[in-house]
Amino acid sequence: MLNTLKLILLLVLSLSLASCSSSSKNKRQVSLQLQDEVTSGRLFVVRNTGSPGILNKISVIHNGKNVGDIGMKETSVSNSVEGVNYLTASMNGLAGISTRDAPILTYDSTLGQNRFFVIRLLLKSNGADLYLVEVNERQFKSVALNSSWMDYL
């Protein structure tokens, strides 16, 4: 009985340490990139899909190039080109078989203008759909920089 409790406690501590170590680095990088002065606009995409497919990465495709494979609450940052840009996302791994890619989203970018998006997951009876939601900087920071165990439900 005592060994079982020790094992459970060790597992919980290991998981909490692993989750804390990966998120602080991501938060620090995002904060620095938000403060950076750039001449071209930047694209910020954060994943907030909840627990379904949590073990699978989502590929962020910007203007036809994969700019990041992100896990839950992770962020991908890319430079936008001036004019029309294209953005989509697709789930990798086994969960990707039954998950439809996000529709291609087009947006106009101007010099110095940052754009912010959140990847969401809509569960259906026969699979799931990814979709992208454009948000403002305050909403993006709220999702990307604040973490709670409730986000995984």
C-alpha atoms as a PDB file:
ATOM      1  CA  MET A   1       0.000   0.000   0.000  1.00  0.00           C
ATOM      2  CA  LEU A   2       2.779   2.434   0.965  1.00  0.00           C
ATOM      3  CA  ASN A   3       4.764   1.597  -2.192  1.00  0.00           C
ATOM      4  CA  THR A   4       1.708   2.279  -4.337  1.00  0.00           C
ATOM      5  CA  LEU A   5       1.225   5.711  -2.750  1.00  0.00           C
ATOM      6  CA  LYS A   6       4.911   6.520  -3.281  1.00  0.00           C
ATOM      7  CA  LEU A   7       4.643   5.509  -6.926  1.00  0.00           C
ATOM      8  CA  ILE A   8       1.548   7.690  -7.474  1.00  0.00           C
ATOM      9  CA  LEU A   9       3.211  10.649  -5.748  1.00  0.00           C
ATOM     10  CA  LEU A  10       6.351  10.218  -7.842  1.00  0.00           C
ATOM     11  CA  LEU A  11       4.287  10.113 -11.029  1.00  0.00           C
ATOM     12  CA  VAL A  12       2.355  13.271 -10.110  1.00  0.00           C
ATOM     13  CA  LEU A  13       5.546  15.148  -9.227  1.00  0.00           C
ATOM     14  CA  SER A  14       7.245  14.056 -12.458  1.00  0.00           C
ATOM     15  CA  LEU A  15       4.309  15.219 -14.573  1.00  0.00           C
ATOM     16  CA  SER A  16       4.085  18.568 -12.814  1.00  0.00           C
ATOM     17  CA  LEU A  17       7.828  19.199 -13.205  1.00  0.00           C
ATOM     18  CA  ALA A  18       7.716  18.304 -16.894  1.00  0.00           C
ATOM     19  CA  SER A  19       4.762  20.578 -17.572  1.00  0.00           C
ATOM     20  CA  CYS A  20       6.324  23.513 -15.726  1.00  0.00           C
ATOM     21  CA  SER A  21       9.670  23.178 -17.473  1.00  0.00           C
ATOM     22  CA  SER A  22       8.268  23.281 -20.998  1.00  0.00           C
ATOM     23  CA  SER A  23       5.787  26.112 -20.542  1.00  0.00           C
ATOM     24  CA  SER A  24       8.042  28.727 -18.933  1.00  0.00           C
ATOM     25  CA  LYS A  25      10.509  28.639 -21.833  1.00  0.00           C
ATOM     26  CA  ASN A  26       7.667  29.056 -24.310  1.00  0.00           C
ATOM     27  CA  LYS A  27       6.170  31.938 -22.274  1.00  0.00           C
ATOM     28  CA  ARG A  28       9.524  33.713 -22.047  1.00  0.00           C
ATOM     29  CA  GLN A  29      10.111  33.404 -25.804  1.00  0.00           C
ATOM     30  CA  VAL A  30       6.621  34.639 -26.674  1.00  0.00           C
ATOM     31  CA  SER A  31       6.932  37.603 -24.303  1.00  0.00           C
ATOM     32  CA  LEU A  32      10.272  38.612 -25.849  1.00  0.00           C
ATOM     33  CA  GLN A  33       8.967  38.288 -29.405  1.00  0.00           C
ATOM     34  CA  LEU A  34       5.891  40.372 -28.593  1.00  0.00           C
ATOM     35  CA  GLN A  35       8.177  43.154 -27.318  1.00  0.00           C
ATOM     36  CA  ASP A  36      10.577  42.966 -30.288  1.00  0.00           C
ATOM     37  CA  GLU A  37      10.437  45.855 -32.712  1.00  0.00           C
ATOM     38  CA  VAL A  38      10.285  44.514 -36.253  1.00  0.00           C
ATOM     39  CA  THR A  39       9.764  46.217 -39.574  1.00  0.00           C
ATOM     40  CA  SER A  40       7.629  43.411 -40.987  1.00  0.00           C
ATOM     41  CA  GLY A  41       4.500  42.064 -39.328  1.00  0.00           C
ATOM     42  CA  ARG A  42       4.623  38.875 -37.304  1.00  0.00           C
ATOM     43  CA  LEU A  43       2.185  36.005 -37.117  1.00  0.00           C
ATOM     44  CA  PHE A  44       1.532  34.436 -33.698  1.00  0.00           C
ATOM     45  CA  VAL A  45      -0.413  31.163 -33.453  1.00  0.00           C
ATOM     46  CA  VAL A  46      -1.179  29.398 -30.164  1.00  0.00           C
ATOM     47  CA  ARG A  47      -2.799  25.991 -29.740  1.00  0.00           C
ATOM     48  CA  ASN A  48      -5.700  25.795 -27.293  1.00  0.00           C
ATOM     49  CA  THR A  49      -7.532  22.577 -28.216  1.00  0.00           C
ATOM     50  CA  GLY A  50      -8.146  20.896 -24.860  1.00  0.00           C
ATOM     51  CA  SER A  51      -7.358  17.272 -24.093  1.00  0.00           C
ATOM     52  CA  PRO A  52      -8.460  15.549 -27.348  1.00  0.00           C
ATOM     53  CA  GLY A  53      -5.378  14.768 -29.386  1.00  0.00           C
ATOM     54  CA  ILE A  54      -3.141  16.167 -26.656  1.00  0.00           C
ATOM     55  CA  LEU A  55      -0.295  13.789 -27.506  1.00  0.00           C
ATOM     56  CA  ASN A  56      -0.285  14.796 -31.168  1.00  0.00           C
ATOM     57  CA  LYS A  57       1.384  17.887 -32.575  1.00  0.00           C
ATOM     58  CA  ILE A  58      -0.396  20.328 -34.864  1.00  0.00           C
ATOM     59  CA  SER A  59       1.498  21.660 -37.883  1.00  0.00           C
ATOM     60  CA  VAL A  60       1.094  25.370 -38.602  1.00  0.00           C
ATOM     61  CA  ILE A  61       1.427  26.083 -42.326  1.00  0.00           C
ATOM     62  CA  HIS A  62       2.024  29.711 -43.295  1.00  0.00           C
ATOM     63  CA  ASN A  63       2.269  30.639 -46.981  1.00  0.00           C
ATOM     64  CA  GLY A  64       2.803  26.981 -47.896  1.00  0.00           C
ATOM     65  CA  LYS A  65       5.658  26.382 -45.416  1.00  0.00           C
ATOM     66  CA  ASN A  66       5.517  24.465 -42.145  1.00  0.00           C
ATOM     67  CA  VAL A  67       6.497  27.077 -39.534  1.00  0.00           C
ATOM     68  CA  GLY A  68       6.062  24.905 -36.455  1.00  0.00           C
ATOM     69  CA  ASP A  69       4.741  21.700 -34.939  1.00  0.00           C
ATOM     70  CA  ILE A  70       3.126  22.749 -31.682  1.00  0.00           C
ATOM     71  CA  GLY A  71       1.693  20.942 -28.688  1.00  0.00           C
ATOM     72  CA  MET A  72      -0.958  22.137 -26.271  1.00  0.00           C
ATOM     73  CA  LYS A  73      -0.481  25.791 -25.202  1.00  0.00           C
ATOM     74  CA  GLU A  74       2.619  26.130 -27.399  1.00  0.00           C
ATOM     75  CA  THR A  75       3.089  28.992 -29.828  1.00  0.00           C
ATOM     76  CA  SER A  76       4.411  29.272 -33.366  1.00  0.00           C
ATOM     77  CA  VAL A  77       5.820  32.610 -34.552  1.00  0.00           C
ATOM     78  CA  SER A  78       6.515  33.545 -38.157  1.00  0.00           C
ATOM     79  CA  ASN A  79       7.199  36.691 -40.169  1.00  0.00           C
ATOM     80  CA  SER A  80       4.387  37.742 -42.475  1.00  0.00           C
ATOM     81  CA  VAL A  81       5.024  39.100 -45.936  1.00  0.00           C
ATOM     82  CA  GLU A  82       3.450  42.371 -46.947  1.00  0.00           C
ATOM     83  CA  GLY A  83       0.174  41.724 -48.769  1.00  0.00           C
ATOM     84  CA  VAL A  84      -1.911  38.554 -48.806  1.00  0.00           C
ATOM     85  CA  ASN A  85      -0.823  35.664 -46.540  1.00  0.00           C
ATOM     86  CA  TYR A  86      -2.230  32.148 -46.175  1.00  0.00           C
ATOM     87  CA  LEU A  87      -2.561  30.179 -42.932  1.00  0.00           C
ATOM     88  CA  THR A  88      -3.808  26.681 -42.092  1.00  0.00           C
ATOM     89  CA  ALA A  89      -3.196  23.944 -39.520  1.00  0.00           C
ATOM     90  CA  SER A  90      -3.244  20.144 -39.581  1.00  0.00           C
ATOM     91  CA  MET A  91      -2.976  17.516 -36.852  1.00  0.00           C
ATOM     92  CA  ASN A  92      -0.194  14.941 -37.050  1.00  0.00           C
ATOM     93  CA  GLY A  93      -0.153  11.335 -35.866  1.00  0.00           C
ATOM     94  CA  LEU A  94      -3.045   8.921 -35.414  1.00  0.00           C
ATOM     95  CA  ALA A  95      -5.453  11.652 -34.314  1.00  0.00           C
ATOM     96  CA  GLY A  96      -4.829  13.363 -37.664  1.00  0.00           C
ATOM     97  CA  ILE A  97      -6.560  10.532 -39.519  1.00  0.00           C
ATOM     98  CA  SER A  98      -9.984  11.502 -38.192  1.00  0.00           C
ATOM     99  CA  THR A  99      -9.292  15.236 -37.880  1.00  0.00           C
ATOM    100  CA  ARG A 100     -10.034  17.628 -40.719  1.00  0.00           C
ATOM    101  CA  ASP A 101      -7.446  20.340 -41.389  1.00  0.00           C
ATOM    102  CA  ALA A 102      -8.312  23.947 -40.642  1.00  0.00           C
ATOM    103  CA  PRO A 103      -9.686  25.750 -43.700  1.00  0.00           C
ATOM    104  CA  ILE A 104      -7.108  27.961 -45.402  1.00  0.00           C
ATOM    105  CA  LEU A 105      -7.388  31.421 -43.925  1.00  0.00           C
ATOM    106  CA  THR A 106      -6.232  34.462 -45.889  1.00  0.00           C
ATOM    107  CA  TYR A 107      -5.293  37.760 -44.288  1.00  0.00           C
ATOM    108  CA  ASP A 108      -3.655  40.988 -45.400  1.00  0.00           C
ATOM    109  CA  SER A 109      -0.470  42.066 -43.662  1.00  0.00           C
ATOM    110  CA  THR A 110       1.104  45.494 -43.569  1.00  0.00           C
ATOM    111  CA  LEU A 111       4.525  46.560 -42.296  1.00  0.00           C
ATOM    112  CA  GLY A 112       4.782  46.399 -38.516  1.00  0.00           C
ATOM    113  CA  GLN A 113       1.332  44.849 -38.004  1.00  0.00           C
ATOM    114  CA  ASN A 114       1.216  41.675 -35.917  1.00  0.00           C
ATOM    115  CA  ARG A 115      -1.616  39.137 -36.343  1.00  0.00           C
ATOM    116  CA  PHE A 116      -2.766  36.729 -33.635  1.00  0.00           C
ATOM    117  CA  PHE A 117      -4.569  33.391 -34.036  1.00  0.00           C
ATOM    118  CA  VAL A 118      -5.762  30.580 -31.765  1.00  0.00           C
ATOM    119  CA  ILE A 119      -6.127  26.982 -32.985  1.00  0.00           C
ATOM    120  CA  ARG A 120      -9.302  25.343 -31.682  1.00  0.00           C
ATOM    121  CA  LEU A 121     -10.679  21.813 -32.050  1.00  0.00           C
ATOM    122  CA  LEU A 122     -14.359  21.045 -32.622  1.00  0.00           C
ATOM    123  CA  LEU A 123     -15.271  17.464 -31.725  1.00  0.00           C
ATOM    124  CA  LYS A 124     -17.850  15.684 -33.887  1.00  0.00           C
ATOM    125  CA  SER A 125     -19.390  12.218 -33.752  1.00  0.00           C
ATOM    126  CA  ASN A 126     -17.225  11.031 -36.672  1.00  0.00           C
ATOM    127  CA  GLY A 127     -13.985  12.853 -35.820  1.00  0.00           C
ATOM    128  CA  ALA A 128     -12.961  16.456 -35.278  1.00  0.00           C
ATOM    129  CA  ASP A 129     -12.322  19.695 -37.138  1.00  0.00           C
ATOM    130  CA  LEU A 130      -9.492  22.147 -36.575  1.00  0.00           C
ATOM    131  CA  TYR A 131     -10.209  25.813 -37.053  1.00  0.00           C
ATOM    132  CA  LEU A 132      -8.350  29.089 -36.602  1.00  0.00           C
ATOM    133  CA  VAL A 133      -9.761  32.094 -34.778  1.00  0.00           C
ATOM    134  CA  GLU A 134      -8.217  35.537 -35.146  1.00  0.00           C
ATOM    135  CA  VAL A 135      -7.948  37.372 -31.823  1.00  0.00           C
ATOM    136  CA  ASN A 136      -6.449  40.619 -30.606  1.00  0.00           C
ATOM    137  CA  GLU A 137      -3.145  40.834 -28.728  1.00  0.00           C
ATOM    138  CA  ARG A 138      -4.765  40.922 -25.289  1.00  0.00           C
ATOM    139  CA  GLN A 139      -6.797  37.777 -25.974  1.00  0.00           C
ATOM    140  CA  PHE A 140      -3.727  36.057 -27.423  1.00  0.00           C
ATOM    141  CA  LYS A 141      -1.653  36.846 -24.324  1.00  0.00           C
ATOM    142  CA  SER A 142      -4.460  35.558 -22.127  1.00  0.00           C
ATOM    143  CA  VAL A 143      -4.370  32.180 -23.889  1.00  0.00           C
ATOM    144  CA  ALA A 144      -0.624  31.892 -24.567  1.00  0.00           C
ATOM    145  CA  LEU A 145       0.856  33.226 -21.343  1.00  0.00           C
ATOM    146  CA  ASN A 146      -1.647  31.976 -18.766  1.00  0.00           C
ATOM    147  CA  SER A 147      -1.753  28.275 -18.094  1.00  0.00           C
ATOM    148  CA  SER A 148      -4.246  26.350 -16.057  1.00  0.00           C
ATOM    149  CA  TRP A 149      -4.981  22.656 -15.743  1.00  0.00           C
ATOM    150  CA  MET A 150      -8.584  23.546 -16.716  1.00  0.00           C
ATOM    151  CA  ASP A 151      -7.357  24.307 -20.265  1.00  0.00           C
ATOM    152  CA  TYR A 152      -6.733  20.603 -20.791  1.00  0.00           C
ATOM    153  CA  LEU A 153     -10.350  19.604 -20.165  1.00  0.00           C
END
